[in-house]
Amino acid sequence: MEDQTSVPTTENSDLEYGITQEELLGMRLDRARIPKLYRESSWDSFDMSSVKEIVNADTRVKIIERLAALRSWRGDEGESSIAFITGRPGSGKTHLTVATLRRYIESGRKGALFVTVTEWLQDMKNGFSDGTSAGVMRMVKNANLLAFDDIGSEMATDWVRDSVYQVINYRLNDMKPTIVTSNLRPSEIAESYHERLASRLASGLVIDLAYLPDRRIT
């Protein structure tokens, strides 16, 4: 009898024969550059208890509805191409982002990419000396689904503001699905960056986790 765990498949130009579904998923998560700490993050493993404990009913219901919208979000035609998750450190922003990428990858879709903004900016700076900065910019502009993690944690120089804005504006105009996370709300991004960036981030699906505690210390 044929081994049912063997999954012959061809992805891009690489032949991937005789590997399990779990191994194949791991390879795709690696290609998406998902951090090891969050590799197992999924919608099923997201702890909703702190959401359900929010005292204000209107706030609680709004967050639950926005989370449900994110869970079904694809950024496809007919939907907003951007999802913006804001909240204090440890509120679950990156977990939700990776859960969304993971679902995309598990569905067989390709070209997902997770990028931490500070690391990406450092790669851009390093690229000035070896001529790779343009390629680093193209990588994030052209990903089929981009997770742009932790905007606002870097020092917002003019160059940083322009570089981040280029990515967001390009992807919105090209209707490429993008998930952005930040500790800052749109009004704070308007102050740290500029109103144009804040307006674009607020134009899509906004999930505000500001009422949730830091899961790392609670």
N, C-alpha and C. Protein backbone atom coordinates (compact mmCIF):
# COMPACT_ATOMS: atom_id res chain seq x y z
N MET A 1 0.85 -1.19 0.00
CA MET A 1 0.00 0.00 0.00
C MET A 1 0.88 1.24 0.00
N GLU A 2 0.47 2.25 -0.77
CA GLU A 2 1.25 3.49 -0.86
C GLU A 2 1.22 4.23 0.46
N ASP A 3 2.36 4.75 0.87
CA ASP A 3 2.47 5.53 2.10
C ASP A 3 1.70 6.84 1.94
N GLN A 4 0.64 7.02 2.73
CA GLN A 4 -0.21 8.19 2.60
C GLN A 4 0.43 9.46 3.14
N THR A 5 1.56 9.31 3.85
CA THR A 5 2.22 10.50 4.37
C THR A 5 3.15 11.13 3.34
N SER A 6 3.39 10.42 2.25
CA SER A 6 4.28 10.93 1.21
C SER A 6 3.50 11.85 0.29
N VAL A 7 4.00 13.06 0.09
CA VAL A 7 3.26 14.04 -0.69
C VAL A 7 4.12 14.55 -1.83
N PRO A 8 4.15 13.86 -2.97
CA PRO A 8 4.91 14.38 -4.10
C PRO A 8 4.26 15.66 -4.58
N THR A 9 5.04 16.68 -4.73
CA THR A 9 4.49 17.96 -5.20
C THR A 9 5.60 18.76 -5.85
N THR A 10 5.23 19.72 -6.64
CA THR A 10 6.19 20.63 -7.23
C THR A 10 5.80 22.04 -6.83
N GLU A 11 6.73 22.76 -6.21
CA GLU A 11 6.46 24.14 -5.82
C GLU A 11 7.57 24.99 -6.40
N ASN A 12 7.14 26.03 -7.13
CA ASN A 12 8.08 26.82 -7.92
C ASN A 12 8.87 25.85 -8.80
N SER A 13 10.21 25.91 -8.77
CA SER A 13 10.99 25.02 -9.62
C SER A 13 11.60 23.89 -8.81
N ASP A 14 11.27 23.79 -7.53
CA ASP A 14 11.87 22.79 -6.66
C ASP A 14 10.99 21.56 -6.59
N LEU A 15 11.59 20.39 -6.80
CA LEU A 15 10.85 19.14 -6.63
C LEU A 15 10.92 18.73 -5.18
N GLU A 16 9.76 18.45 -4.58
CA GLU A 16 9.70 18.08 -3.18
C GLU A 16 8.99 16.74 -3.09
N TYR A 17 9.78 15.67 -3.06
CA TYR A 17 9.22 14.32 -3.08
C TYR A 17 9.48 13.60 -1.77
N GLY A 18 8.52 12.74 -1.41
CA GLY A 18 8.70 11.87 -0.27
C GLY A 18 8.74 12.58 1.06
N ILE A 19 8.01 13.67 1.21
CA ILE A 19 7.99 14.38 2.49
C ILE A 19 6.56 14.40 3.02
N THR A 20 6.44 14.57 4.32
CA THR A 20 5.13 14.57 4.94
C THR A 20 4.48 15.94 4.80
N GLN A 21 3.18 15.98 5.05
CA GLN A 21 2.47 17.25 5.02
C GLN A 21 3.07 18.21 6.05
N GLU A 22 3.43 17.68 7.21
CA GLU A 22 4.00 18.51 8.26
C GLU A 22 5.34 19.10 7.83
N GLU A 23 6.16 18.29 7.16
CA GLU A 23 7.45 18.77 6.68
C GLU A 23 7.27 19.82 5.59
N LEU A 24 6.30 19.59 4.71
CA LEU A 24 6.03 20.54 3.63
C LEU A 24 5.56 21.88 4.20
N LEU A 25 4.67 21.80 5.20
CA LEU A 25 4.21 23.03 5.85
C LEU A 25 5.39 23.77 6.50
N GLY A 26 6.29 23.02 7.14
CA GLY A 26 7.45 23.63 7.76
C GLY A 26 8.32 24.35 6.75
N MET A 27 8.50 23.76 5.57
CA MET A 27 9.29 24.39 4.52
C MET A 27 8.64 25.70 4.07
N ARG A 28 7.32 25.68 3.96
CA ARG A 28 6.62 26.88 3.51
C ARG A 28 6.64 27.98 4.57
N LEU A 29 6.58 27.59 5.83
CA LEU A 29 6.69 28.57 6.90
C LEU A 29 8.09 29.17 6.93
N ASP A 30 9.11 28.36 6.64
CA ASP A 30 10.48 28.87 6.55
C ASP A 30 10.59 29.89 5.42
N ARG A 31 10.02 29.56 4.27
CA ARG A 31 10.08 30.47 3.12
C ARG A 31 9.40 31.80 3.43
N ALA A 32 8.36 31.74 4.26
CA ALA A 32 7.64 32.96 4.63
C ALA A 32 8.37 33.74 5.72
N ARG A 33 9.48 33.17 6.24
CA ARG A 33 10.30 33.81 7.27
C ARG A 33 9.54 34.03 8.58
N ILE A 34 8.66 33.13 8.90
CA ILE A 34 7.92 33.24 10.16
C ILE A 34 8.86 32.87 11.31
N PRO A 35 8.97 33.72 12.33
CA PRO A 35 9.89 33.45 13.45
C PRO A 35 9.55 32.15 14.17
N LYS A 36 10.57 31.45 14.62
CA LYS A 36 10.37 30.16 15.28
C LYS A 36 9.47 30.27 16.51
N LEU A 37 9.57 31.39 17.23
CA LEU A 37 8.77 31.59 18.43
C LEU A 37 7.27 31.52 18.14
N TYR A 38 6.90 31.90 16.91
CA TYR A 38 5.48 31.99 16.56
C TYR A 38 5.04 30.92 15.57
N ARG A 39 5.89 29.96 15.30
CA ARG A 39 5.58 28.97 14.27
C ARG A 39 4.28 28.21 14.52
N GLU A 40 3.95 27.99 15.80
CA GLU A 40 2.75 27.23 16.12
C GLU A 40 1.53 28.12 16.37
N SER A 41 1.68 29.42 16.17
CA SER A 41 0.56 30.33 16.39
C SER A 41 -0.55 30.06 15.39
N SER A 42 -1.76 29.91 15.91
CA SER A 42 -2.91 29.65 15.05
C SER A 42 -4.13 30.34 15.65
N TRP A 43 -5.21 30.38 14.90
CA TRP A 43 -6.43 30.96 15.44
C TRP A 43 -6.97 30.11 16.59
N ASP A 44 -6.82 28.81 16.49
CA ASP A 44 -7.33 27.94 17.56
C ASP A 44 -6.57 28.12 18.86
N SER A 45 -5.30 28.51 18.77
CA SER A 45 -4.48 28.65 19.98
C SER A 45 -4.49 30.07 20.55
N PHE A 46 -5.24 30.97 19.93
CA PHE A 46 -5.32 32.34 20.45
C PHE A 46 -6.26 32.36 21.65
N ASP A 47 -5.75 32.83 22.78
CA ASP A 47 -6.51 32.84 24.03
C ASP A 47 -7.49 34.02 24.04
N MET A 48 -8.78 33.71 24.02
CA MET A 48 -9.82 34.74 23.98
C MET A 48 -10.28 35.16 25.37
N SER A 49 -9.72 34.57 26.41
CA SER A 49 -10.22 34.84 27.76
C SER A 49 -10.13 36.31 28.14
N SER A 50 -9.01 36.98 27.78
CA SER A 50 -8.87 38.39 28.14
C SER A 50 -9.84 39.27 27.37
N VAL A 51 -10.22 38.85 26.18
CA VAL A 51 -11.23 39.59 25.41
C VAL A 51 -12.58 39.48 26.10
N LYS A 52 -12.93 38.28 26.52
CA LYS A 52 -14.22 38.06 27.15
C LYS A 52 -14.34 38.73 28.51
N GLU A 53 -13.19 39.09 29.11
CA GLU A 53 -13.20 39.74 30.42
C GLU A 53 -13.31 41.26 30.34
N ILE A 54 -13.31 41.82 29.14
CA ILE A 54 -13.46 43.27 29.00
C ILE A 54 -14.82 43.69 29.54
N VAL A 55 -14.83 44.63 30.46
CA VAL A 55 -16.06 45.00 31.17
C VAL A 55 -17.06 45.68 30.25
N ASN A 56 -16.60 46.64 29.46
CA ASN A 56 -17.50 47.38 28.59
C ASN A 56 -18.02 46.49 27.48
N ALA A 57 -19.31 46.27 27.44
CA ALA A 57 -19.89 45.32 26.49
C ALA A 57 -19.70 45.77 25.04
N ASP A 58 -19.87 47.06 24.78
CA ASP A 58 -19.72 47.55 23.41
C ASP A 58 -18.29 47.33 22.91
N THR A 59 -17.32 47.62 23.76
CA THR A 59 -15.91 47.40 23.38
C THR A 59 -15.64 45.92 23.16
N ARG A 60 -16.14 45.09 24.07
CA ARG A 60 -15.94 43.63 23.96
C ARG A 60 -16.52 43.09 22.66
N VAL A 61 -17.74 43.48 22.36
CA VAL A 61 -18.40 43.00 21.14
C VAL A 61 -17.66 43.48 19.90
N LYS A 62 -17.22 44.75 19.92
CA LYS A 62 -16.52 45.30 18.76
C LYS A 62 -15.24 44.53 18.48
N ILE A 63 -14.47 44.23 19.53
CA ILE A 63 -13.22 43.49 19.33
C ILE A 63 -13.50 42.08 18.80
N ILE A 64 -14.50 41.42 19.37
CA ILE A 64 -14.84 40.07 18.91
C ILE A 64 -15.26 40.09 17.45
N GLU A 65 -16.03 41.10 17.06
CA GLU A 65 -16.46 41.20 15.65
C GLU A 65 -15.28 41.47 14.73
N ARG A 66 -14.35 42.32 15.18
CA ARG A 66 -13.18 42.61 14.34
C ARG A 66 -12.26 41.39 14.23
N LEU A 67 -12.13 40.64 15.29
CA LEU A 67 -11.32 39.42 15.23
C LEU A 67 -11.94 38.41 14.29
N ALA A 68 -13.27 38.30 14.32
CA ALA A 68 -13.96 37.39 13.40
C ALA A 68 -13.75 37.82 11.96
N ALA A 69 -13.75 39.15 11.73
CA ALA A 69 -13.51 39.66 10.38
C ALA A 69 -12.10 39.35 9.93
N LEU A 70 -11.12 39.49 10.84
CA LEU A 70 -9.73 39.18 10.49
C LEU A 70 -9.57 37.69 10.19
N ARG A 71 -10.26 36.87 10.96
CA ARG A 71 -10.13 35.42 10.76
C ARG A 71 -10.59 35.00 9.36
N SER A 72 -11.56 35.70 8.81
CA SER A 72 -12.06 35.36 7.47
C SER A 72 -11.43 36.22 6.38
N TRP A 73 -10.60 37.20 6.79
CA TRP A 73 -10.01 38.14 5.82
C TRP A 73 -9.00 37.45 4.92
N ARG A 74 -9.06 37.79 3.65
CA ARG A 74 -8.07 37.28 2.69
C ARG A 74 -7.38 38.42 1.93
N GLY A 75 -7.97 39.61 2.00
CA GLY A 75 -7.44 40.71 1.21
C GLY A 75 -7.72 40.54 -0.26
N ASP A 76 -8.70 39.69 -0.59
CA ASP A 76 -9.01 39.44 -1.99
C ASP A 76 -9.86 40.57 -2.56
N GLU A 77 -10.13 40.46 -3.86
CA GLU A 77 -10.95 41.46 -4.53
C GLU A 77 -12.31 41.55 -3.83
N GLY A 78 -12.76 42.77 -3.61
CA GLY A 78 -14.02 42.97 -2.91
C GLY A 78 -13.83 43.24 -1.43
N GLU A 79 -12.61 43.02 -0.91
CA GLU A 79 -12.28 43.32 0.48
C GLU A 79 -11.21 44.39 0.50
N SER A 80 -11.05 45.02 1.67
CA SER A 80 -9.91 45.91 1.83
C SER A 80 -8.63 45.09 1.73
N SER A 81 -7.61 45.65 1.10
CA SER A 81 -6.36 44.91 0.95
C SER A 81 -5.44 45.07 2.14
N ILE A 82 -5.86 45.85 3.16
CA ILE A 82 -4.99 46.06 4.31
C ILE A 82 -5.73 45.76 5.61
N ALA A 83 -5.02 45.10 6.53
CA ALA A 83 -5.51 44.88 7.89
C ALA A 83 -4.49 45.46 8.84
N PHE A 84 -4.94 46.29 9.76
CA PHE A 84 -4.06 46.98 10.69
C PHE A 84 -4.40 46.55 12.11
N ILE A 85 -3.42 45.93 12.81
CA ILE A 85 -3.61 45.46 14.17
C ILE A 85 -2.78 46.33 15.10
N THR A 86 -3.45 46.99 16.03
CA THR A 86 -2.77 47.87 16.97
C THR A 86 -3.05 47.42 18.40
N GLY A 87 -2.10 47.65 19.29
CA GLY A 87 -2.28 47.25 20.68
C GLY A 87 -0.97 47.33 21.42
N ARG A 88 -1.05 47.26 22.73
CA ARG A 88 0.15 47.35 23.56
C ARG A 88 1.04 46.13 23.35
N PRO A 89 2.31 46.19 23.74
CA PRO A 89 3.19 45.01 23.61
C PRO A 89 2.59 43.81 24.34
N GLY A 90 2.65 42.65 23.72
CA GLY A 90 2.16 41.42 24.34
C GLY A 90 0.67 41.19 24.24
N SER A 91 -0.04 42.03 23.48
CA SER A 91 -1.49 41.89 23.39
C SER A 91 -1.94 40.82 22.40
N GLY A 92 -1.00 40.28 21.62
CA GLY A 92 -1.34 39.20 20.69
C GLY A 92 -1.30 39.59 19.23
N LYS A 93 -0.73 40.74 18.92
CA LYS A 93 -0.71 41.22 17.54
C LYS A 93 0.03 40.26 16.61
N THR A 94 1.24 39.87 17.01
CA THR A 94 2.05 39.00 16.14
C THR A 94 1.44 37.61 16.06
N HIS A 95 0.88 37.12 17.16
CA HIS A 95 0.21 35.82 17.13
C HIS A 95 -0.90 35.83 16.08
N LEU A 96 -1.75 36.85 16.10
CA LEU A 96 -2.85 36.93 15.14
C LEU A 96 -2.35 37.07 13.71
N THR A 97 -1.27 37.83 13.55
CA THR A 97 -0.69 38.01 12.22
C THR A 97 -0.19 36.69 11.66
N VAL A 98 0.58 35.95 12.47
CA VAL A 98 1.11 34.67 12.01
C VAL A 98 -0.02 33.67 11.80
N ALA A 99 -1.04 33.69 12.65
CA ALA A 99 -2.19 32.80 12.46
C ALA A 99 -2.84 33.04 11.11
N THR A 100 -2.92 34.30 10.71
CA THR A 100 -3.51 34.65 9.41
C THR A 100 -2.61 34.19 8.27
N LEU A 101 -1.30 34.39 8.41
CA LEU A 101 -0.36 33.90 7.39
C LEU A 101 -0.38 32.38 7.32
N ARG A 102 -0.43 31.75 8.47
CA ARG A 102 -0.42 30.29 8.51
C ARG A 102 -1.64 29.70 7.79
N ARG A 103 -2.80 30.30 8.02
CA ARG A 103 -4.00 29.84 7.34
C ARG A 103 -3.86 30.01 5.82
N TYR A 104 -3.27 31.12 5.41
CA TYR A 104 -3.04 31.39 3.98
C TYR A 104 -2.12 30.31 3.39
N ILE A 105 -1.04 30.00 4.11
CA ILE A 105 -0.08 29.01 3.64
C ILE A 105 -0.69 27.62 3.62
N GLU A 106 -1.44 27.28 4.65
CA GLU A 106 -2.06 25.95 4.73
C GLU A 106 -3.09 25.74 3.63
N SER A 107 -3.63 26.82 3.09
CA SER A 107 -4.60 26.70 2.00
C SER A 107 -3.93 26.41 0.66
N GLY A 108 -2.58 26.41 0.67
CA GLY A 108 -1.84 26.11 -0.56
C GLY A 108 -1.41 27.34 -1.34
N ARG A 109 -1.75 28.51 -0.83
CA ARG A 109 -1.37 29.73 -1.54
C ARG A 109 0.09 30.06 -1.25
N LYS A 110 0.74 30.72 -2.20
CA LYS A 110 2.18 30.96 -2.14
C LYS A 110 2.50 32.44 -2.02
N GLY A 111 3.75 32.71 -1.66
CA GLY A 111 4.25 34.08 -1.68
C GLY A 111 3.98 34.89 -0.43
N ALA A 112 3.66 34.24 0.71
CA ALA A 112 3.49 34.96 1.96
C ALA A 112 4.86 35.33 2.53
N LEU A 113 4.93 36.46 3.21
CA LEU A 113 6.21 36.92 3.76
C LEU A 113 5.97 37.68 5.06
N PHE A 114 6.72 37.29 6.09
CA PHE A 114 6.68 37.98 7.39
C PHE A 114 7.96 38.81 7.52
N VAL A 115 7.79 40.10 7.79
CA VAL A 115 8.95 40.99 7.91
C VAL A 115 8.78 41.87 9.15
N THR A 116 9.78 41.89 10.01
CA THR A 116 9.83 42.85 11.10
C THR A 116 10.42 44.14 10.57
N VAL A 117 9.71 45.24 10.77
CA VAL A 117 10.09 46.49 10.13
C VAL A 117 11.51 46.92 10.48
N THR A 118 11.90 46.80 11.76
CA THR A 118 13.25 47.22 12.14
C THR A 118 14.32 46.41 11.43
N GLU A 119 14.11 45.09 11.30
CA GLU A 119 15.09 44.24 10.62
C GLU A 119 15.13 44.57 9.13
N TRP A 120 13.95 44.83 8.54
CA TRP A 120 13.89 45.17 7.12
C TRP A 120 14.63 46.48 6.86
N LEU A 121 14.43 47.47 7.71
CA LEU A 121 15.13 48.74 7.54
C LEU A 121 16.64 48.56 7.66
N GLN A 122 17.07 47.70 8.57
CA GLN A 122 18.51 47.43 8.70
C GLN A 122 19.05 46.76 7.44
N ASP A 123 18.27 45.83 6.87
CA ASP A 123 18.68 45.20 5.62
C ASP A 123 18.77 46.24 4.50
N MET A 124 17.85 47.20 4.51
CA MET A 124 17.89 48.27 3.50
C MET A 124 19.18 49.08 3.67
N LYS A 125 19.51 49.43 4.91
CA LYS A 125 20.73 50.22 5.15
C LYS A 125 21.97 49.44 4.73
N ASN A 126 22.01 48.16 5.10
CA ASN A 126 23.15 47.33 4.72
C ASN A 126 23.28 47.23 3.20
N GLY A 127 22.14 47.28 2.53
CA GLY A 127 22.14 47.14 1.07
C GLY A 127 22.71 48.32 0.33
N PHE A 128 22.84 49.47 1.02
CA PHE A 128 23.42 50.62 0.35
C PHE A 128 24.87 50.39 -0.03
N SER A 129 25.58 49.59 0.78
CA SER A 129 27.00 49.36 0.54
C SER A 129 27.26 48.23 -0.45
N ASP A 130 26.32 47.28 -0.55
CA ASP A 130 26.56 46.15 -1.47
C ASP A 130 25.56 46.10 -2.63
N GLY A 131 24.75 47.15 -2.76
CA GLY A 131 23.87 47.26 -3.92
C GLY A 131 22.62 46.39 -3.87
N THR A 132 22.23 45.94 -2.68
CA THR A 132 21.07 45.03 -2.59
C THR A 132 19.81 45.72 -2.06
N SER A 133 19.88 47.01 -1.75
CA SER A 133 18.73 47.67 -1.13
C SER A 133 17.50 47.68 -2.04
N ALA A 134 17.70 47.83 -3.33
CA ALA A 134 16.55 47.83 -4.25
C ALA A 134 15.85 46.48 -4.23
N GLY A 135 16.62 45.40 -4.15
CA GLY A 135 16.03 44.07 -4.08
C GLY A 135 15.28 43.85 -2.79
N VAL A 136 15.81 44.40 -1.69
CA VAL A 136 15.14 44.28 -0.40
C VAL A 136 13.80 45.02 -0.43
N MET A 137 13.75 46.17 -1.09
CA MET A 137 12.51 46.92 -1.23
C MET A 137 11.52 46.16 -2.12
N ARG A 138 11.99 45.62 -3.22
CA ARG A 138 11.10 44.86 -4.13
C ARG A 138 10.49 43.65 -3.42
N MET A 139 11.27 43.01 -2.56
CA MET A 139 10.80 41.82 -1.87
C MET A 139 9.53 42.10 -1.09
N VAL A 140 9.50 43.21 -0.35
CA VAL A 140 8.31 43.50 0.45
C VAL A 140 7.20 44.12 -0.40
N LYS A 141 7.56 44.85 -1.42
CA LYS A 141 6.52 45.43 -2.28
C LYS A 141 5.75 44.36 -3.04
N ASN A 142 6.42 43.28 -3.43
CA ASN A 142 5.82 42.33 -4.35
C ASN A 142 5.35 41.02 -3.72
N ALA A 143 5.52 40.85 -2.42
CA ALA A 143 5.03 39.63 -1.77
C ALA A 143 3.52 39.49 -2.00
N ASN A 144 3.07 38.27 -2.21
CA ASN A 144 1.63 38.06 -2.43
C ASN A 144 0.82 38.43 -1.20
N LEU A 145 1.34 38.10 -0.02
CA LEU A 145 0.76 38.52 1.25
C LEU A 145 1.90 38.94 2.16
N LEU A 146 1.88 40.18 2.61
CA LEU A 146 2.96 40.71 3.44
C LEU A 146 2.46 40.96 4.85
N ALA A 147 3.21 40.48 5.84
CA ALA A 147 3.02 40.87 7.23
C ALA A 147 4.14 41.84 7.58
N PHE A 148 3.79 43.09 7.85
CA PHE A 148 4.75 44.16 8.15
C PHE A 148 4.63 44.42 9.64
N ASP A 149 5.52 43.82 10.42
CA ASP A 149 5.35 43.74 11.87
C ASP A 149 6.06 44.86 12.62
N ASP A 150 5.33 45.50 13.50
CA ASP A 150 5.89 46.42 14.50
C ASP A 150 6.34 47.76 13.93
N ILE A 151 5.50 48.38 13.12
CA ILE A 151 5.76 49.74 12.69
C ILE A 151 5.73 50.66 13.91
N GLY A 152 6.69 51.55 14.00
CA GLY A 152 6.72 52.51 15.10
C GLY A 152 7.74 52.18 16.17
N SER A 153 8.34 51.00 16.10
CA SER A 153 9.37 50.65 17.09
C SER A 153 10.73 51.22 16.71
N GLU A 154 10.84 51.71 15.48
CA GLU A 154 12.10 52.28 15.00
C GLU A 154 12.09 53.80 15.15
N MET A 155 13.26 54.42 15.10
CA MET A 155 13.34 55.88 15.13
C MET A 155 12.85 56.42 13.79
N ALA A 156 11.86 57.28 13.83
CA ALA A 156 11.20 57.73 12.60
C ALA A 156 11.95 58.91 11.97
N THR A 157 13.04 58.63 11.28
CA THR A 157 13.74 59.65 10.51
C THR A 157 12.98 59.88 9.20
N ASP A 158 13.37 60.90 8.48
CA ASP A 158 12.72 61.17 7.19
C ASP A 158 12.86 59.98 6.25
N TRP A 159 14.04 59.36 6.26
CA TRP A 159 14.26 58.20 5.39
C TRP A 159 13.37 57.02 5.78
N VAL A 160 13.22 56.78 7.08
CA VAL A 160 12.37 55.71 7.57
C VAL A 160 10.92 55.98 7.18
N ARG A 161 10.45 57.21 7.41
CA ARG A 161 9.08 57.57 7.06
C ARG A 161 8.81 57.33 5.58
N ASP A 162 9.75 57.77 4.75
CA ASP A 162 9.57 57.62 3.30
C ASP A 162 9.59 56.15 2.88
N SER A 163 10.50 55.37 3.46
CA SER A 163 10.62 53.96 3.08
C SER A 163 9.37 53.17 3.46
N VAL A 164 8.88 53.37 4.68
CA VAL A 164 7.68 52.66 5.14
C VAL A 164 6.47 53.08 4.31
N TYR A 165 6.35 54.38 4.07
CA TYR A 165 5.22 54.87 3.28
C TYR A 165 5.24 54.30 1.86
N GLN A 166 6.42 54.22 1.27
CA GLN A 166 6.53 53.65 -0.08
C GLN A 166 5.92 52.25 -0.14
N VAL A 167 6.24 51.43 0.85
CA VAL A 167 5.75 50.05 0.87
C VAL A 167 4.23 50.02 0.99
N ILE A 168 3.70 50.73 1.98
CA ILE A 168 2.26 50.70 2.24
C ILE A 168 1.49 51.28 1.06
N ASN A 169 1.95 52.41 0.55
CA ASN A 169 1.24 53.06 -0.55
C ASN A 169 1.27 52.21 -1.82
N TYR A 170 2.44 51.64 -2.11
CA TYR A 170 2.56 50.79 -3.31
C TYR A 170 1.61 49.60 -3.23
N ARG A 171 1.60 48.94 -2.07
CA ARG A 171 0.79 47.73 -1.94
C ARG A 171 -0.70 48.05 -1.95
N LEU A 172 -1.09 49.16 -1.35
CA LEU A 172 -2.49 49.55 -1.42
C LEU A 172 -2.92 49.85 -2.85
N ASN A 173 -2.11 50.60 -3.56
CA ASN A 173 -2.44 50.94 -4.95
C ASN A 173 -2.49 49.71 -5.84
N ASP A 174 -1.64 48.72 -5.52
CA ASP A 174 -1.61 47.50 -6.32
C ASP A 174 -2.55 46.43 -5.76
N MET A 175 -3.29 46.77 -4.69
CA MET A 175 -4.28 45.89 -4.06
C MET A 175 -3.67 44.56 -3.63
N LYS A 176 -2.46 44.64 -3.03
CA LYS A 176 -1.79 43.46 -2.51
C LYS A 176 -2.10 43.31 -1.02
N PRO A 177 -2.58 42.16 -0.58
CA PRO A 177 -2.95 41.97 0.81
C PRO A 177 -1.78 42.23 1.76
N THR A 178 -2.03 43.04 2.78
CA THR A 178 -0.99 43.46 3.71
C THR A 178 -1.54 43.51 5.13
N ILE A 179 -0.81 42.91 6.07
CA ILE A 179 -1.15 43.01 7.49
C ILE A 179 -0.06 43.84 8.15
N VAL A 180 -0.47 44.87 8.86
CA VAL A 180 0.48 45.76 9.54
C VAL A 180 0.17 45.72 11.02
N THR A 181 1.21 45.61 11.85
CA THR A 181 1.02 45.68 13.29
C THR A 181 1.81 46.85 13.87
N SER A 182 1.31 47.38 14.98
CA SER A 182 2.00 48.48 15.63
C SER A 182 1.50 48.62 17.07
N ASN A 183 2.39 49.11 17.95
CA ASN A 183 1.97 49.49 19.29
C ASN A 183 1.22 50.82 19.26
N LEU A 184 1.30 51.52 18.13
CA LEU A 184 0.71 52.84 17.98
C LEU A 184 -0.65 52.78 17.31
N ARG A 185 -1.54 53.65 17.73
CA ARG A 185 -2.82 53.81 17.07
C ARG A 185 -2.63 54.76 15.87
N PRO A 186 -3.61 54.79 14.95
CA PRO A 186 -3.45 55.67 13.78
C PRO A 186 -3.14 57.12 14.12
N SER A 187 -3.78 57.65 15.18
CA SER A 187 -3.52 59.04 15.56
C SER A 187 -2.07 59.24 16.00
N GLU A 188 -1.48 58.23 16.64
CA GLU A 188 -0.09 58.31 17.07
C GLU A 188 0.85 58.13 15.89
N ILE A 189 0.46 57.31 14.93
CA ILE A 189 1.26 57.16 13.71
C ILE A 189 1.27 58.46 12.92
N ALA A 190 0.15 59.17 12.93
CA ALA A 190 0.08 60.46 12.25
C ALA A 190 1.09 61.43 12.84
N GLU A 191 1.31 61.34 14.15
CA GLU A 191 2.28 62.22 14.81
C GLU A 191 3.71 61.78 14.56
N SER A 192 3.97 60.46 14.62
CA SER A 192 5.34 59.95 14.47
C SER A 192 5.79 59.92 13.02
N TYR A 193 4.86 59.64 12.12
CA TYR A 193 5.17 59.56 10.68
C TYR A 193 4.52 60.74 9.98
N HIS A 194 3.35 60.51 9.42
CA HIS A 194 2.57 61.60 8.85
C HIS A 194 1.14 61.10 8.62
N GLU A 195 0.25 62.03 8.37
CA GLU A 195 -1.17 61.70 8.25
C GLU A 195 -1.45 60.80 7.05
N ARG A 196 -0.64 60.90 6.01
CA ARG A 196 -0.89 60.07 4.82
C ARG A 196 -0.77 58.59 5.16
N LEU A 197 0.27 58.24 5.93
CA LEU A 197 0.44 56.84 6.32
C LEU A 197 -0.68 56.41 7.25
N ALA A 198 -1.00 57.24 8.24
CA ALA A 198 -2.07 56.90 9.18
C ALA A 198 -3.39 56.69 8.46
N SER A 199 -3.67 57.55 7.49
CA SER A 199 -4.92 57.44 6.73
C SER A 199 -5.00 56.14 5.96
N ARG A 200 -3.90 55.72 5.38
CA ARG A 200 -3.90 54.47 4.62
C ARG A 200 -4.06 53.26 5.53
N LEU A 201 -3.43 53.29 6.69
CA LEU A 201 -3.56 52.17 7.62
C LEU A 201 -4.97 52.08 8.18
N ALA A 202 -5.60 53.23 8.39
CA ALA A 202 -6.95 53.25 8.96
C ALA A 202 -8.03 53.00 7.93
N SER A 203 -7.64 52.90 6.65
CA SER A 203 -8.64 52.76 5.58
C SER A 203 -9.17 51.34 5.45
N GLY A 204 -8.48 50.38 6.08
CA GLY A 204 -8.89 48.98 5.94
C GLY A 204 -9.51 48.43 7.19
N LEU A 205 -9.28 47.15 7.43
CA LEU A 205 -9.79 46.48 8.62
C LEU A 205 -8.87 46.82 9.79
N VAL A 206 -9.38 47.48 10.81
CA VAL A 206 -8.59 47.90 11.97
C VAL A 206 -9.01 47.08 13.18
N ILE A 207 -8.04 46.42 13.81
CA ILE A 207 -8.29 45.64 15.02
C ILE A 207 -7.52 46.30 16.15
N ASP A 208 -8.23 46.88 17.10
CA ASP A 208 -7.61 47.60 18.20
C ASP A 208 -7.62 46.72 19.45
N LEU A 209 -6.42 46.27 19.86
CA LEU A 209 -6.28 45.40 21.02
C LEU A 209 -5.78 46.17 22.24
N ALA A 210 -5.97 47.48 22.26
CA ALA A 210 -5.43 48.32 23.33
C ALA A 210 -5.99 47.95 24.70
N TYR A 211 -7.16 47.33 24.72
CA TYR A 211 -7.78 46.98 26.00
C TYR A 211 -7.28 45.64 26.55
N LEU A 212 -6.46 44.94 25.80
CA LEU A 212 -5.98 43.63 26.25
C LEU A 212 -4.66 43.78 27.00
N PRO A 213 -4.44 42.94 28.00
CA PRO A 213 -3.21 43.01 28.81
C PRO A 213 -2.02 42.40 28.06
N ASP A 214 -0.84 42.61 28.61
CA ASP A 214 0.38 42.00 28.09
C ASP A 214 0.36 40.52 28.46
N ARG A 215 0.20 39.64 27.47
CA ARG A 215 0.10 38.21 27.72
C ARG A 215 1.41 37.62 28.21
N ARG A 216 2.49 38.31 27.99
CA ARG A 216 3.79 37.79 28.39
C ARG A 216 4.01 37.87 29.91
N ILE A 217 3.28 38.77 30.57
CA ILE A 217 3.52 38.96 32.00
C ILE A 217 2.27 38.73 32.85
N THR A 218 1.15 38.35 32.23
CA THR A 218 -0.07 38.11 33.00
C THR A 218 -0.39 36.63 33.03
